């Protein structure tokens, strides 16, 4: 199958039935639901409508989207709306991008305990930023930031880490001034790394003591406290990776950059190269080899297995807000930040109600313009109902 137009949905339709037959008993409800949603997205299975151009009479069928957060085709509008909301919150200060990563030993535990360990990752990393920023020896201020969880590397293997976007400064602890960080420098990475390691392992051991961790297969022995302590012993003495990137050139660059990290799934459709002889090939960047672009080929079932690793549990929030960006007091504290920075107050506009108007306002791309004559407007002339699925009659014998 040629690369042009190839989608993750094609891979799931092609290899999904055999994958479900083989691994169905171990597939979680969330992963089953994600597979079905992606396979049926923008197909007749979800219904849709027929549109006609008022000028040239061109017609097209538009099938409905699945809106699943794991679908590569359904994140455009959500991402654009999210970026628009964040645009209204930008402050006129430098911004820093800080990434917290756990060692492979921890990633193994996280793989079998997603909700518990990913929550610990968010908690330990956010507390690290809060505590060090509040220390008068470093910044001595209340900061505000948001984090985005990613669980994948370019090769689709399990690699949990959190990206944080942090303004370069904060509100003084007495609330009366804005304290800016040093030019080009946010917080010391070695200090961040050491505290992050300590907090993470503290919360992980508490979760273990409370019976919140489960272990399976080759790691079943970790249920024993002594085995669990031995397993963690090496990571107490190793450096944990915390990476603080150079500050952005300005607020506009911030959102352009961060937009690459939010509302993403493990692999986008444009990285797929081919489906051939039972295999899937895709492009990836090898960071250990000078960021060289390479092509990886996997068995179709292995590709699906790696993709499904990154389907998060239902209800899990992969974008979280902290400090003066916390949801409960964001408006009030942002107003105080603008006041301390002598910024003009902002008045957010009401978003358009229709999703097509909202999409055009956010992206500049029209969903109404005729793709044939480029002047007429597409008007809905009929609806396509979802097919009725007949449930098998129960066996009453």
Protein backbone atom coordinates (compact mmCIF):
# COMPACT_ATOMS: atom_id res chain seq x y z
CA UNK A 1 0.00 0.00 0.00
CA UNK A 2 1.49 3.36 -1.04
CA UNK A 3 2.33 5.93 1.57
CA UNK A 4 0.15 8.69 0.07
CA UNK A 5 -2.97 9.02 2.17
CA UNK A 6 -1.98 6.17 4.50
CA UNK A 7 -3.48 6.45 8.00
CA UNK A 8 -3.28 4.68 11.35
CA UNK A 9 -6.91 3.74 10.66
CA UNK A 10 -5.75 1.75 7.60
CA UNK A 11 -3.28 -0.17 9.77
CA UNK A 12 -5.99 -0.99 12.33
CA UNK A 13 -8.46 -2.08 9.66
CA UNK A 14 -5.82 -4.23 7.97
CA UNK A 15 -4.28 -5.92 11.02
CA UNK A 16 -6.84 -5.22 13.75
CA UNK A 17 -9.07 -8.31 13.36
CA UNK A 18 -6.13 -10.71 13.70
CA UNK A 19 -4.72 -8.65 16.58
CA UNK A 20 -8.04 -8.81 18.45
CA UNK A 21 -8.32 -12.54 17.85
CA UNK A 22 -4.87 -13.06 19.33
CA UNK A 23 -4.86 -10.53 22.20
CA UNK A 24 -8.56 -9.90 22.82
CA UNK A 25 -8.56 -11.36 26.33
CA UNK A 26 -5.84 -8.94 27.49
CA UNK A 27 -7.13 -5.80 25.75
CA UNK A 28 -8.55 -3.17 28.08
CA UNK A 29 -11.91 -1.52 27.38
CA UNK A 30 -10.17 1.78 26.61
CA UNK A 31 -7.91 0.17 23.99
CA UNK A 32 -10.76 -1.72 22.35
CA UNK A 33 -12.77 1.50 22.21
CA UNK A 34 -9.84 3.44 20.74
CA UNK A 35 -9.29 0.85 18.02
CA UNK A 36 -12.96 0.85 17.00
CA UNK A 37 -13.18 4.65 17.06
CA UNK A 38 -10.12 5.14 14.85
CA UNK A 39 -11.20 2.41 12.41
CA UNK A 40 -14.65 3.97 11.92
CA UNK A 41 -13.68 7.66 12.09
CA UNK A 42 -15.05 9.63 9.12
CA UNK A 43 -16.63 6.56 7.57
CA UNK A 44 -20.26 5.67 6.86
CA UNK A 45 -20.32 3.74 10.14
CA UNK A 46 -20.63 7.02 12.05
CA UNK A 47 -23.11 8.71 9.71
CA UNK A 48 -22.67 12.19 8.28
CA UNK A 49 -24.20 14.56 5.76
CA UNK A 50 -24.19 15.52 2.09
CA UNK A 51 -23.20 19.06 1.05
CA UNK A 52 -23.74 20.93 -2.24
CA UNK A 53 -22.05 24.09 -3.48
CA UNK A 54 -24.53 26.93 -4.03
CA UNK A 55 -22.57 28.18 -7.06
CA UNK A 56 -21.25 25.26 -9.10
CA UNK A 57 -23.41 22.42 -7.71
CA UNK A 58 -20.41 20.32 -6.60
CA UNK A 59 -21.43 17.72 -4.01
CA UNK A 60 -19.41 15.95 -1.32
CA UNK A 61 -20.10 13.51 1.47
CA UNK A 62 -18.76 14.44 4.91
CA UNK A 63 -18.76 11.61 7.43
CA UNK A 64 -18.71 12.33 11.16
CA UNK A 65 -15.58 12.17 13.31
CA UNK A 66 -15.08 9.77 16.21
CA UNK A 67 -13.70 12.53 18.51
CA UNK A 68 -11.59 9.98 20.34
CA UNK A 69 -8.52 11.63 21.86
CA UNK A 70 -6.29 8.85 20.49
CA UNK A 71 -7.34 9.44 16.89
CA UNK A 72 -4.76 11.25 14.71
CA UNK A 73 -7.55 12.89 12.68
CA UNK A 74 -9.62 14.29 15.54
CA UNK A 75 -7.25 16.62 17.36
CA UNK A 76 -7.10 19.63 15.01
CA UNK A 77 -10.06 21.61 16.37
CA UNK A 78 -9.38 20.68 20.00
CA UNK A 79 -5.74 21.73 19.62
CA UNK A 80 -6.65 25.02 17.94
CA UNK A 81 -9.21 25.84 20.65
CA UNK A 82 -6.75 24.97 23.40
CA UNK A 83 -4.05 27.19 21.87
CA UNK A 84 -6.55 30.04 21.55
CA UNK A 85 -7.38 29.74 25.25
CA UNK A 86 -3.70 29.71 26.21
CA UNK A 87 -3.02 32.75 23.99
CA UNK A 88 -5.22 34.82 26.30
CA UNK A 89 -3.12 33.70 29.29
CA UNK A 90 0.35 34.57 27.98
CA UNK A 91 2.40 37.00 30.02
CA UNK A 92 5.02 39.39 28.65
CA UNK A 93 7.93 37.45 30.13
CA UNK A 94 10.38 34.79 28.89
CA UNK A 95 9.06 31.21 28.91
CA UNK A 96 10.96 28.00 29.63
CA UNK A 97 10.34 24.42 28.53
CA UNK A 98 11.26 21.87 31.24
CA UNK A 99 11.04 18.10 30.71
CA UNK A 100 11.00 15.48 33.50
CA UNK A 101 11.76 11.86 32.53
CA UNK A 102 11.79 8.67 34.63
CA UNK A 103 14.42 5.91 34.28
CA UNK A 104 13.60 2.69 32.42
CA UNK A 105 13.27 0.80 35.73
CA UNK A 106 10.42 3.13 36.72
CA UNK A 107 8.90 3.05 33.23
CA UNK A 108 8.45 -0.71 33.65
CA UNK A 109 6.42 -0.20 36.82
CA UNK A 110 4.46 2.60 35.11
CA UNK A 111 3.58 0.28 32.23
CA UNK A 112 1.72 -2.02 34.63
CA UNK A 113 0.31 0.78 36.83
CA UNK A 114 -0.48 3.63 34.48
CA UNK A 115 -2.91 5.74 36.50
CA UNK A 116 -1.01 5.52 39.79
CA UNK A 117 2.50 6.10 38.42
CA UNK A 118 1.56 8.80 35.90
CA UNK A 119 -0.19 10.66 38.73
CA UNK A 120 2.99 10.34 40.80
CA UNK A 121 5.03 11.66 37.86
CA UNK A 122 2.85 14.78 37.65
CA UNK A 123 2.84 15.25 41.42
CA UNK A 124 6.57 14.82 41.97
CA UNK A 125 7.58 17.02 39.02
CA UNK A 126 5.12 19.83 39.82
CA UNK A 127 6.06 19.85 43.52
CA UNK A 128 9.73 20.01 42.53
CA UNK A 129 9.14 23.13 40.46
CA UNK A 130 6.96 24.72 43.16
CA UNK A 131 9.34 24.07 46.06
CA UNK A 132 12.56 25.14 44.36
CA UNK A 133 10.96 28.24 42.82
CA UNK A 134 9.56 29.26 46.23
CA UNK A 135 12.99 28.91 47.88
CA UNK A 136 14.47 32.41 48.39
CA UNK A 137 17.89 30.98 47.47
CA UNK A 138 16.59 30.38 43.95
CA UNK A 139 13.58 32.52 42.95
CA UNK A 140 11.45 33.09 46.04
CA UNK A 141 8.16 33.30 44.16
CA UNK A 142 4.93 31.49 43.36
CA UNK A 143 5.13 30.31 39.78
CA UNK A 144 2.40 29.09 37.40
CA UNK A 145 2.76 26.45 34.72
CA UNK A 146 1.08 23.58 32.89
CA UNK A 147 2.31 20.08 32.05
CA UNK A 148 1.59 17.66 29.21
CA UNK A 149 2.18 13.92 29.62
CA UNK A 150 3.81 12.00 26.79
CA UNK A 151 4.36 8.26 27.09
CA UNK A 152 6.13 7.54 23.81
CA UNK A 153 9.44 7.90 22.02
CA UNK A 154 9.84 8.25 18.27
CA UNK A 155 10.03 4.45 17.95
CA UNK A 156 6.64 4.12 19.76
CA UNK A 157 8.20 2.35 22.74
CA UNK A 158 7.16 3.24 26.29
CA UNK A 159 8.96 6.40 27.41
CA UNK A 160 6.94 8.36 30.01
CA UNK A 161 7.88 12.02 30.50
CA UNK A 162 6.16 15.34 31.18
CA UNK A 163 6.67 18.59 29.27
CA UNK A 164 6.17 21.74 31.37
CA UNK A 165 5.85 25.28 30.06
CA UNK A 166 6.84 27.79 32.74
CA UNK A 167 6.88 31.62 32.69
CA UNK A 168 10.26 32.98 33.73
CA UNK A 169 9.26 34.46 37.06
CA UNK A 170 6.43 34.57 39.56
CA UNK A 171 4.48 36.46 42.18
CA UNK A 172 6.51 37.38 45.26
CA UNK A 173 5.51 35.37 48.31
CA UNK A 174 4.01 38.53 49.86
CA UNK A 175 1.96 39.06 46.67
CA UNK A 176 3.22 42.62 46.18
CA UNK A 177 5.65 42.32 43.25
CA UNK A 178 6.72 40.24 40.27
CA UNK A 179 10.06 38.48 40.66
CA UNK A 180 11.78 37.79 37.37
CA UNK A 181 14.27 34.96 36.92
CA UNK A 182 17.83 35.64 35.80
CA UNK A 183 18.19 36.34 32.06
CA UNK A 184 18.39 33.03 30.17
CA UNK A 185 18.22 30.95 33.37
CA UNK A 186 15.24 29.49 35.20
CA UNK A 187 16.17 27.03 37.96
CA UNK A 188 19.28 24.82 38.47
CA UNK A 189 18.79 21.49 36.71
CA UNK A 190 20.90 19.39 39.15
CA UNK A 191 18.76 20.62 42.06
CA UNK A 192 15.56 19.90 40.11
CA UNK A 193 16.79 16.40 39.25
CA UNK A 194 17.76 15.51 42.83
CA UNK A 195 14.49 16.70 44.38
CA UNK A 196 12.40 15.10 41.62
CA UNK A 197 14.05 11.73 42.24
CA UNK A 198 13.49 11.94 45.99
CA UNK A 199 9.86 13.01 45.76
CA UNK A 200 8.99 10.47 43.07
CA UNK A 201 10.49 7.52 44.92
CA UNK A 202 8.89 8.68 48.18
CA UNK A 203 5.42 8.73 46.62
CA UNK A 204 6.07 5.44 44.79
CA UNK A 205 7.01 3.69 48.03
CA UNK A 206 3.90 5.11 49.72
CA UNK A 207 1.76 3.73 46.88
CA UNK A 208 3.45 0.33 47.27
CA UNK A 209 2.88 0.32 51.05
CA UNK A 210 -0.80 1.19 50.48
CA UNK A 211 -1.22 -1.76 48.10
CA UNK A 212 -1.89 0.45 45.08
CA UNK A 213 0.69 -1.16 42.78
CA UNK A 214 0.14 -4.36 40.81
CA UNK A 215 2.78 -6.52 39.13
CA UNK A 216 2.37 -9.17 36.45
CA UNK A 217 4.31 -11.76 34.46
CA UNK A 218 8.08 -11.48 34.96
CA UNK A 219 7.61 -8.76 37.59
CA UNK A 220 5.14 -10.61 39.80
CA UNK A 221 7.85 -11.11 42.45
CA UNK A 222 7.91 -7.35 43.10
CA UNK A 223 4.85 -7.79 45.32
CA UNK A 224 7.36 -8.83 47.99
CA UNK A 225 8.65 -5.74 49.89
CA UNK A 226 12.27 -6.93 49.91
CA UNK A 227 12.21 -7.59 46.15
CA UNK A 228 10.60 -4.21 45.52
CA UNK A 229 13.32 -2.41 47.54
CA UNK A 230 16.09 -4.29 45.72
CA UNK A 231 14.53 -3.42 42.38
CA UNK A 232 14.49 0.31 43.22
CA UNK A 233 17.90 0.45 44.91
CA UNK A 234 19.92 1.34 41.76
CA UNK A 235 17.76 4.35 40.82
CA UNK A 236 18.41 6.04 44.18
CA UNK A 237 22.02 6.54 43.12
CA UNK A 238 21.59 7.58 39.49
CA UNK A 239 20.87 10.98 38.00
CA UNK A 240 17.32 11.39 36.72
CA UNK A 241 16.93 13.28 33.48
CA UNK A 242 15.52 16.79 33.82
CA UNK A 243 16.01 18.98 30.78
CA UNK A 244 15.47 22.75 30.75
CA UNK A 245 15.57 24.20 27.25
CA UNK A 246 16.70 27.71 26.41
CA UNK A 247 14.04 30.42 26.80
CA UNK A 248 11.80 31.19 23.86
CA UNK A 249 12.28 34.32 21.77
CA UNK A 250 8.84 35.63 22.71
CA UNK A 251 5.28 34.66 23.67
CA UNK A 252 4.27 34.06 20.04
CA UNK A 253 7.00 31.45 19.65
CA UNK A 254 5.85 29.78 22.87
CA UNK A 255 2.47 28.67 21.56
CA UNK A 256 3.84 27.72 18.15
CA UNK A 257 6.27 25.38 19.91
CA UNK A 258 3.94 24.06 22.60
CA UNK A 259 1.31 23.33 19.95
CA UNK A 260 3.57 20.47 18.84
CA UNK A 261 3.22 18.80 22.24
CA UNK A 262 -0.47 19.13 23.13
CA UNK A 263 -3.27 17.00 21.69
CA UNK A 264 -0.78 14.68 20.05
CA UNK A 265 -1.03 10.93 19.74
CA UNK A 266 1.84 8.46 19.63
CA UNK A 267 2.25 8.76 15.86
CA UNK A 268 0.72 11.06 13.27
CA UNK A 269 -0.56 9.84 9.93
CA UNK A 270 2.09 11.76 7.96
CA UNK A 271 4.86 9.60 9.46
CA UNK A 272 3.47 6.39 7.95
CA UNK A 273 5.32 5.15 4.87
CA UNK A 274 3.75 1.85 3.78
CA UNK A 275 1.89 -1.34 4.61
CA UNK A 276 3.54 -4.23 2.81
CA UNK A 277 3.91 -8.00 3.31
CA UNK A 278 2.39 -7.92 6.78
CA UNK A 279 4.58 -5.03 7.93
CA UNK A 280 4.14 -1.33 8.66
CA UNK A 281 6.93 1.14 7.91
CA UNK A 282 7.13 4.62 9.41
CA UNK A 283 9.59 7.48 9.70
CA UNK A 284 11.27 8.23 13.03
CA UNK A 285 14.00 10.48 14.39
CA UNK A 286 16.90 8.70 16.10
CA UNK A 287 17.98 11.08 18.87
CA UNK A 288 20.92 8.84 19.75
CA UNK A 289 22.31 9.14 16.23
CA UNK A 290 22.42 12.91 15.74
CA UNK A 291 18.63 13.22 15.23
CA UNK A 292 18.89 11.41 11.90
CA UNK A 293 15.64 10.60 10.11
CA UNK A 294 15.25 6.86 9.62
CA UNK A 295 12.59 4.37 8.59
CA UNK A 296 11.47 1.61 10.96
CA UNK A 297 9.56 -1.47 9.84
CA UNK A 298 7.46 -3.46 12.30
CA UNK A 299 5.17 -6.43 12.05
CA UNK A 300 1.58 -5.16 11.79
CA UNK A 301 0.62 -6.66 15.15
CA UNK A 302 3.68 -5.20 16.86
CA UNK A 303 2.86 -1.75 15.44
CA UNK A 304 -0.65 -1.96 16.90
CA UNK A 305 0.71 -3.21 20.24
CA UNK A 306 3.10 -0.25 20.47
CA UNK A 307 0.39 2.22 19.46
CA UNK A 308 -2.03 0.91 22.08
CA UNK A 309 0.56 1.21 24.86
CA UNK A 310 -0.12 4.95 24.77
CA UNK A 311 -3.91 4.82 25.11
CA UNK A 312 -4.45 6.35 28.54
CA UNK A 313 -7.04 5.14 31.07
CA UNK A 314 -10.49 6.73 30.77
CA UNK A 315 -10.77 10.02 32.62
CA UNK A 316 -7.02 10.51 32.95
CA UNK A 317 -6.04 14.19 32.47
CA UNK A 318 -2.87 14.40 30.39
CA UNK A 319 -2.74 18.23 30.54
CA UNK A 320 -2.64 19.72 34.06
CA UNK A 321 -2.28 23.24 35.47
CA UNK A 322 -0.47 24.43 38.57
CA UNK A 323 0.35 27.50 40.68
CA UNK A 324 -1.21 30.73 39.49
CA UNK A 325 -2.47 28.81 36.43
CA UNK A 326 -4.42 26.38 38.62
CA UNK A 327 -8.01 26.05 37.50
CA UNK A 328 -9.62 27.22 40.74
CA UNK A 329 -7.97 30.68 40.83
CA UNK A 330 -6.48 31.20 37.37
CA UNK A 331 -8.50 34.28 36.39
CA UNK A 332 -7.83 36.14 39.64
CA UNK A 333 -4.12 35.36 39.83
CA UNK A 334 -3.47 36.02 36.13
CA UNK A 335 -5.11 39.41 36.55
CA UNK A 336 -2.71 40.06 39.45
CA UNK A 337 0.26 38.98 37.31
CA UNK A 338 -0.76 41.40 34.54
CA UNK A 339 -1.16 44.15 37.11
CA UNK A 340 2.31 43.54 38.55
CA UNK A 341 3.79 43.42 35.03
CA UNK A 342 1.90 46.57 33.97
CA UNK A 343 0.19 44.67 31.15
CA UNK A 344 -3.07 45.81 29.58
CA UNK A 345 -6.09 43.76 30.77
CA UNK A 346 -7.57 41.30 28.28
CA UNK A 347 -11.21 40.74 27.39
CA UNK A 348 -11.73 37.30 25.80
CA UNK A 349 -14.20 37.20 22.92
CA UNK A 350 -17.08 34.74 22.85
CA UNK A 351 -16.24 31.83 20.52
CA UNK A 352 -18.53 31.14 17.53
CA UNK A 353 -21.16 28.53 18.31
CA UNK A 354 -20.91 26.52 15.06
CA UNK A 355 -17.86 24.24 14.90
CA UNK A 356 -17.19 25.25 11.26
CA UNK A 357 -17.09 28.95 12.17
CA UNK A 358 -14.97 28.13 15.20
CA UNK A 359 -12.53 26.09 13.11
CA UNK A 360 -12.15 28.91 10.58
CA UNK A 361 -11.67 31.52 13.32
CA UNK A 362 -8.97 29.43 14.97
CA UNK A 363 -7.12 28.04 11.94
CA UNK A 364 -7.93 30.39 9.07
CA UNK A 365 -9.12 27.40 7.01
CA UNK A 366 -12.70 27.27 5.77
CA UNK A 367 -14.81 24.12 6.01
CA UNK A 368 -17.59 25.85 4.07
CA UNK A 369 -15.74 26.93 0.92
CA UNK A 370 -16.34 24.75 -2.12
CA UNK A 371 -13.20 22.68 -2.86
CA UNK A 372 -14.09 22.68 -6.57
CA UNK A 373 -14.79 26.30 -7.53
CA UNK A 374 -13.29 27.91 -4.38
CA UNK A 375 -15.94 30.64 -4.43
CA UNK A 376 -19.23 28.96 -3.52
CA UNK A 377 -20.39 27.90 -0.07
CA UNK A 378 -21.14 24.28 0.73
CA UNK A 379 -24.66 23.83 2.14
CA UNK A 380 -25.96 20.70 3.85
CA UNK A 381 -28.72 19.17 1.73
CA UNK A 382 -29.27 15.83 3.49
CA UNK A 383 -28.14 13.79 6.46
CA UNK A 384 -26.72 10.27 6.52
CA UNK A 385 -27.91 8.26 9.50
CA UNK A 386 -25.68 5.78 11.27
CA UNK A 387 -26.39 2.21 10.19
CA UNK A 388 -28.57 0.28 12.61
CA UNK A 389 -26.58 -2.45 14.30
CA UNK A 390 -28.73 -5.48 15.01
CA UNK A 391 -27.81 -7.23 18.25
CA UNK A 392 -27.92 -11.04 18.10
CA UNK A 393 -30.97 -12.55 19.74
CA UNK A 394 -30.24 -14.06 23.15
CA UNK A 395 -30.08 -17.82 23.35
CA UNK A 396 -33.03 -18.91 25.50
CA UNK A 397 -32.64 -22.66 25.02
